[in-house]
Protein backbone atom coordinates (compact mmCIF):
# COMPACT_ATOMS: atom_id res chain seq x y z
CA MET A 1 5.78 -19.52 -28.04
CA LYS A 2 2.82 -17.86 -26.36
CA PHE A 3 3.89 -16.44 -23.01
CA TYR A 4 1.32 -13.97 -21.70
CA ASN A 5 1.26 -11.65 -18.74
CA HIS A 6 -1.62 -10.50 -16.54
CA PHE A 7 -3.86 -13.30 -15.25
CA HIS A 8 -5.87 -12.34 -12.16
CA THR A 9 -6.81 -15.12 -9.75
CA PHE A 10 -9.37 -15.49 -6.96
CA PRO A 11 -10.47 -18.27 -4.62
CA GLU A 12 -13.46 -20.11 -6.01
CA GLY A 13 -16.60 -18.44 -4.63
CA ALA A 14 -15.02 -15.02 -4.16
CA PHE A 15 -17.85 -13.60 -6.27
CA PRO A 16 -21.05 -15.38 -5.12
CA ASP A 17 -23.00 -14.29 -8.21
CA ASN A 18 -20.29 -15.83 -10.41
CA PRO A 19 -18.45 -18.33 -8.18
CA ARG A 20 -16.10 -19.65 -10.87
CA PHE A 21 -14.89 -16.16 -11.76
CA GLY A 22 -11.09 -16.03 -11.64
CA CYS A 23 -10.62 -19.44 -10.05
CA ILE A 24 -7.54 -21.51 -10.84
CA PRO A 25 -9.33 -24.33 -12.76
CA GLU A 26 -10.99 -21.76 -15.04
CA MET A 27 -7.63 -20.08 -15.67
CA LEU A 28 -5.99 -23.38 -16.53
CA ALA A 29 -8.87 -24.22 -18.88
CA PHE A 30 -8.49 -20.88 -20.67
CA ILE A 31 -4.75 -21.38 -21.02
CA ASN A 32 -5.10 -24.94 -22.32
CA ASN A 33 -8.01 -24.21 -24.67
CA ASN A 34 -6.09 -21.35 -26.30
CA ASN A 35 -2.78 -23.21 -26.57
CA ILE A 36 -0.96 -20.72 -24.36
CA ASP A 37 2.44 -22.08 -23.35
CA LYS A 38 3.23 -19.96 -20.31
CA ALA A 39 1.57 -17.26 -18.22
CA VAL A 40 2.18 -14.88 -15.32
CA ALA A 41 -0.56 -14.95 -12.68
CA PHE A 42 -1.33 -12.35 -10.01
CA PRO A 43 -2.41 -13.11 -6.43
CA PRO A 44 -5.96 -12.20 -5.40
CA ILE A 45 -6.38 -8.67 -4.07
CA PRO A 46 -8.29 -9.18 -0.79
CA THR A 47 -10.47 -6.10 -1.32
CA TRP A 48 -11.67 -7.33 -4.74
CA GLY A 49 -14.64 -9.65 -4.49
CA PRO A 50 -17.26 -9.87 -1.73
CA MET A 51 -15.84 -13.09 -0.29
CA THR A 52 -12.15 -12.93 -1.25
CA ALA A 53 -10.80 -11.88 2.14
CA LYS A 54 -12.99 -14.39 3.97
CA LEU A 55 -11.91 -17.24 1.71
CA LEU A 56 -8.25 -16.35 2.12
CA ALA A 57 -8.84 -16.65 5.87
CA GLY A 58 -5.83 -14.54 6.76
CA MET A 59 -3.44 -16.31 4.38
CA ASP A 60 -0.98 -14.12 2.50
CA PRO A 61 -2.38 -13.88 -1.08
CA ASN A 62 1.11 -14.67 -2.37
CA GLU A 63 1.24 -17.88 -0.38
CA TRP A 64 -2.26 -18.81 -1.59
CA LEU A 65 -1.15 -18.39 -5.19
CA TYR A 66 2.10 -20.27 -4.64
CA GLN A 67 0.35 -23.25 -3.04
CA ASN A 68 -2.24 -23.39 -5.82
CA LEU A 69 0.23 -23.15 -8.70
CA VAL A 70 3.36 -24.89 -7.41
CA GLU A 71 2.48 -27.97 -9.49
CA TYR A 72 2.20 -25.94 -12.71
CA PRO A 73 5.74 -24.94 -13.78
CA ASN A 74 4.44 -23.13 -16.86
CA ILE A 75 2.47 -20.67 -14.71
CA TYR A 76 4.70 -18.05 -13.13
CA CYS A 77 3.68 -15.82 -10.25
CA ALA A 78 4.05 -12.12 -9.43
CA VAL A 79 4.22 -10.72 -5.91
CA LEU A 80 1.40 -8.62 -4.47
CA VAL A 81 2.63 -6.25 -1.77
CA ASN A 82 2.25 -2.64 -0.70
CA PRO A 83 5.67 -1.10 -1.44
CA LYS A 84 5.33 1.18 1.59
CA ALA A 85 4.82 -1.71 4.03
CA ASP A 86 7.57 -2.21 6.60
CA ASN A 87 7.99 -5.84 5.53
CA ALA A 88 7.71 -5.23 1.77
CA CYS A 89 11.31 -6.19 1.02
CA ASP A 90 11.09 -9.30 3.21
CA VAL A 91 7.95 -10.40 1.36
CA LEU A 92 9.59 -9.76 -2.00
CA LYS A 93 12.72 -11.73 -1.12
CA ARG A 94 10.70 -14.61 0.35
CA TYR A 95 8.68 -15.12 -2.82
CA TYR A 96 11.58 -14.37 -5.14
CA ASP A 97 13.25 -17.37 -3.51
CA LYS A 98 10.10 -19.38 -4.28
CA GLY A 99 10.39 -18.51 -7.96
CA PHE A 100 8.14 -15.45 -8.34
CA VAL A 101 9.20 -13.41 -11.36
CA GLY A 102 7.71 -9.94 -10.85
CA VAL A 103 5.65 -7.56 -8.75
CA LYS A 104 2.13 -6.31 -9.47
CA LEU A 105 1.52 -2.82 -8.07
CA HIS A 106 -1.87 -1.14 -8.31
CA PRO A 107 -1.42 2.34 -6.80
CA ALA A 108 -5.12 3.25 -6.91
CA VAL A 109 -6.78 0.29 -5.19
CA ALA A 110 -7.71 0.42 -1.53
CA TYR A 111 -5.36 -2.46 -0.72
CA MET A 112 -2.39 -0.23 -1.62
CA GLN A 113 -3.13 3.44 -2.44
CA PHE A 114 0.29 5.01 -2.64
CA ARG A 115 1.99 7.70 -4.66
CA ILE A 116 4.23 6.08 -7.27
CA ASP A 117 7.29 8.21 -6.50
CA ASP A 118 6.77 8.39 -2.74
CA PRO A 119 10.22 8.26 -1.10
CA ALA A 120 8.77 5.71 1.31
CA CYS A 121 8.77 3.24 -1.62
CA ASP A 122 12.45 3.73 -2.46
CA LYS A 123 13.70 0.91 -0.27
CA PHE A 124 11.35 -1.50 -2.02
CA TYR A 125 12.30 -0.29 -5.50
CA ALA A 126 15.98 -0.67 -4.62
CA CYS A 127 15.35 -4.21 -3.42
CA ALA A 128 13.51 -5.13 -6.62
CA ALA A 129 16.32 -3.62 -8.71
CA GLU A 130 18.91 -5.59 -6.78
CA LEU A 131 17.01 -8.84 -7.33
CA GLY A 132 16.45 -8.03 -11.01
CA ILE A 133 12.72 -8.65 -10.71
CA PHE A 134 10.27 -6.56 -12.74
CA VAL A 135 7.81 -4.13 -11.17
CA LEU A 136 4.53 -3.72 -13.03
CA PHE A 137 2.54 -0.55 -12.43
CA HIS A 138 -1.15 -0.52 -13.25
CA THR A 139 -1.75 2.80 -15.02
CA GLY A 140 -4.90 4.48 -16.29
CA VAL A 141 -7.88 6.14 -14.62
CA HIS A 142 -8.96 3.92 -11.73
CA GLY A 143 -10.32 6.11 -8.95
CA PHE A 144 -8.16 7.49 -6.11
CA ARG A 145 -6.27 10.77 -6.53
CA LEU A 146 -5.04 11.00 -10.13
CA SER A 147 -1.99 13.08 -9.27
CA ASP A 148 -0.61 10.17 -7.23
CA TYR A 149 -0.47 7.60 -10.02
CA GLN A 150 0.15 9.45 -13.27
CA PRO A 151 2.62 7.48 -15.40
CA ILE A 152 4.97 10.47 -15.55
CA LEU A 153 5.85 9.70 -11.92
CA ILE A 154 7.45 6.44 -13.07
CA ASP A 155 10.14 8.57 -14.71
CA ASN A 156 11.11 9.86 -11.26
CA VAL A 157 11.36 6.29 -9.96
CA VAL A 158 13.52 5.07 -12.82
CA TYR A 159 15.75 8.12 -12.56
CA LYS A 160 16.47 7.23 -8.92
CA HIS A 161 16.66 3.47 -9.58
CA PRO A 162 18.23 3.11 -13.03
CA LYS A 163 18.51 -0.69 -12.81
CA LEU A 164 14.84 -1.23 -11.94
CA LYS A 165 12.87 -3.15 -14.57
CA VAL A 166 9.44 -1.55 -15.04
CA ILE A 167 6.34 -2.53 -17.00
CA ILE A 168 3.92 0.36 -17.62
CA GLU A 169 0.74 -1.69 -17.80
CA HIS A 170 -2.16 -0.48 -19.96
CA MET A 171 0.07 2.39 -21.11
CA GLY A 172 -1.99 4.88 -19.13
CA THR A 173 -5.22 4.00 -20.92
CA SER A 174 -8.59 3.00 -19.52
CA GLU A 175 -11.32 1.30 -21.50
CA HIS A 176 -13.90 4.05 -21.02
CA PHE A 177 -11.82 7.21 -20.56
CA GLY A 178 -10.47 8.25 -23.95
CA ARG A 179 -6.69 8.63 -24.10
CA GLY A 180 -6.28 8.70 -20.34
CA PHE A 181 -2.58 9.13 -19.53
CA PHE A 182 -1.36 7.47 -22.72
CA ASP A 183 0.87 10.35 -23.82
CA GLN A 184 2.57 10.43 -20.42
CA ALA A 185 3.20 6.69 -20.56
CA LEU A 186 4.67 6.91 -24.05
CA ALA A 187 6.89 9.81 -22.98
CA VAL A 188 8.30 7.74 -20.12
CA ILE A 189 8.95 4.83 -22.50
CA ALA A 190 10.84 7.20 -24.81
CA ASN A 191 12.82 8.79 -21.98
CA THR A 192 13.87 5.58 -20.20
CA LYS A 193 14.91 3.28 -22.99
CA ASN A 194 16.98 0.78 -21.07
CA ASN A 195 14.60 -0.63 -18.50
CA THR A 196 10.96 0.29 -19.13
CA TYR A 197 8.54 -1.89 -21.04
CA ALA A 198 5.15 -1.21 -22.56
CA GLY A 199 2.40 -3.42 -21.14
CA LEU A 200 -0.10 -3.87 -23.97
CA THR A 201 -2.77 -5.39 -21.73
CA ALA A 202 -6.25 -4.15 -22.77
CA LEU A 203 -4.73 -1.92 -25.44
CA ALA A 204 -5.73 -4.09 -28.41
CA MET A 205 -9.26 -2.71 -28.64
CA PRO A 206 -10.89 -1.07 -31.68
CA HIS A 207 -11.00 2.43 -30.17
CA LEU A 208 -7.40 2.13 -28.89
CA LYS A 209 -5.87 0.62 -32.03
CA GLU A 210 -4.06 3.81 -33.01
CA MET A 211 -2.45 4.04 -29.57
CA LEU A 212 -1.49 0.35 -29.77
CA ALA A 213 0.24 0.96 -33.09
CA ASP A 214 1.97 4.10 -31.76
CA THR A 215 3.25 2.18 -28.75
CA ILE A 216 4.75 -0.65 -30.80
CA ARG A 217 6.31 1.78 -33.26
CA GLU A 218 7.80 4.11 -30.64
CA ALA A 219 8.85 1.52 -28.05
CA GLY A 220 9.82 -1.26 -30.44
CA ALA A 221 8.29 -4.71 -30.22
CA ASP A 222 11.25 -5.88 -28.14
CA ARG A 223 9.96 -3.65 -25.33
CA CYS A 224 6.27 -4.62 -25.66
CA ILE A 225 4.49 -7.32 -23.63
CA PHE A 226 1.05 -8.75 -24.35
CA GLY A 227 -1.22 -9.40 -21.38
CA ALA A 228 -4.46 -11.37 -21.34
CA ASP A 229 -6.18 -9.35 -18.60
CA TRP A 230 -7.98 -12.57 -17.69
CA PRO A 231 -10.76 -13.09 -16.65
CA ALA A 232 -13.83 -11.58 -18.25
CA GLU A 233 -17.24 -12.51 -16.80
CA THR A 234 -17.03 -16.03 -18.29
CA ASN A 235 -14.35 -18.01 -20.08
CA LYS A 236 -16.36 -17.72 -23.29
CA LYS A 237 -16.27 -13.93 -23.03
CA SER A 238 -12.57 -14.13 -22.18
CA CYS A 239 -11.98 -16.24 -25.30
CA ASP A 240 -14.03 -13.90 -27.48
CA ARG A 241 -12.11 -10.87 -26.21
CA TYR A 242 -8.80 -12.66 -26.68
CA LYS A 243 -9.62 -13.58 -30.28
CA SER A 244 -10.65 -10.00 -30.99
CA GLU A 245 -7.37 -8.72 -29.55
CA LEU A 246 -5.38 -11.12 -31.71
CA GLU A 247 -7.23 -9.95 -34.81
CA ILE A 248 -6.51 -6.31 -34.00
CA ILE A 249 -2.80 -6.99 -33.49
CA LYS A 250 -2.68 -9.06 -36.69
CA SER A 251 -4.27 -6.15 -38.57
CA LEU A 252 -1.19 -4.05 -37.82
CA HIS A 253 0.79 -6.27 -40.25
CA LEU A 254 3.75 -6.71 -37.96
CA THR A 255 6.70 -8.88 -38.88
CA GLU A 256 6.98 -12.40 -37.50
CA MET A 257 9.84 -11.27 -35.26
CA GLN A 258 7.76 -8.39 -33.87
CA GLU A 259 4.86 -10.73 -33.08
CA ASN A 260 7.22 -13.20 -31.44
CA ASP A 261 8.55 -10.47 -29.17
CA ILE A 262 5.11 -9.15 -28.22
CA PHE A 263 3.56 -12.55 -27.60
CA GLY A 264 6.27 -13.90 -25.33
CA GLY A 265 9.81 -13.16 -26.42
CA THR A 266 10.13 -9.88 -24.53
CA LEU A 267 8.61 -11.30 -21.36
CA SER A 268 10.85 -14.39 -21.51
CA LYS A 269 13.98 -12.23 -21.62
CA LEU A 270 12.66 -9.93 -18.90
CA ILE A 271 12.29 -12.69 -16.31
CA GLU A 272 15.62 -14.36 -16.98
CA ARG A 273 17.72 -14.70 -13.84
CA LYS A 274 21.42 -14.01 -14.14
């Protein structure tokens, strides 16, 4: 089974120079054309795209995603919310009840910009832990103040909230910035073995192959989750990148069980509701 994380979505026309970029029909086409069984999609971040906020017209991005995907039971949704917001827990509970399976946090983007271990986020983390819903942190160099979103700060969060399920997305790497915070991310994975998971999104690249292999070896495939990081500029480029990533992962000569975990098994277990 192919069950992939990390599909960004946008209203059609959010990027006037590329109006189909990130729209729901293009995502569904990519999923169908590549025989992907299930996926986790993220709501549109209003500050990404020249027309995104205008097209949302004041609608909660979570509600926009829910209404657009409610008829597609194989596409799961993750909540977009600032964990410091006064209503963050209410938003999380509302969309958990609608079937959302996780939370996408991007500490560096203007829509959020928070310090990962800020005590003001503790109430939200406690709520997510109570619900058993995963919290995904975007990690890697992405602007904003680096000291506020280093992966090592996730260790502080997990120490305070030992039942919180965490995905360390990108494992601290960035496509154009060498190792980034990779070693910090791997240290957190090693130190918090019960509830942290390695997000392999954008890690299966030629210049990051060694770090990809290190992650799978140190974390174990049963704690690794593949993400598509869809979309690229066009679906053709998305498909080409996806095929390249598959080839790189195949070149690691993993066992069938390891591949099954990475390509969907781990994520399936992570979102199970008890």
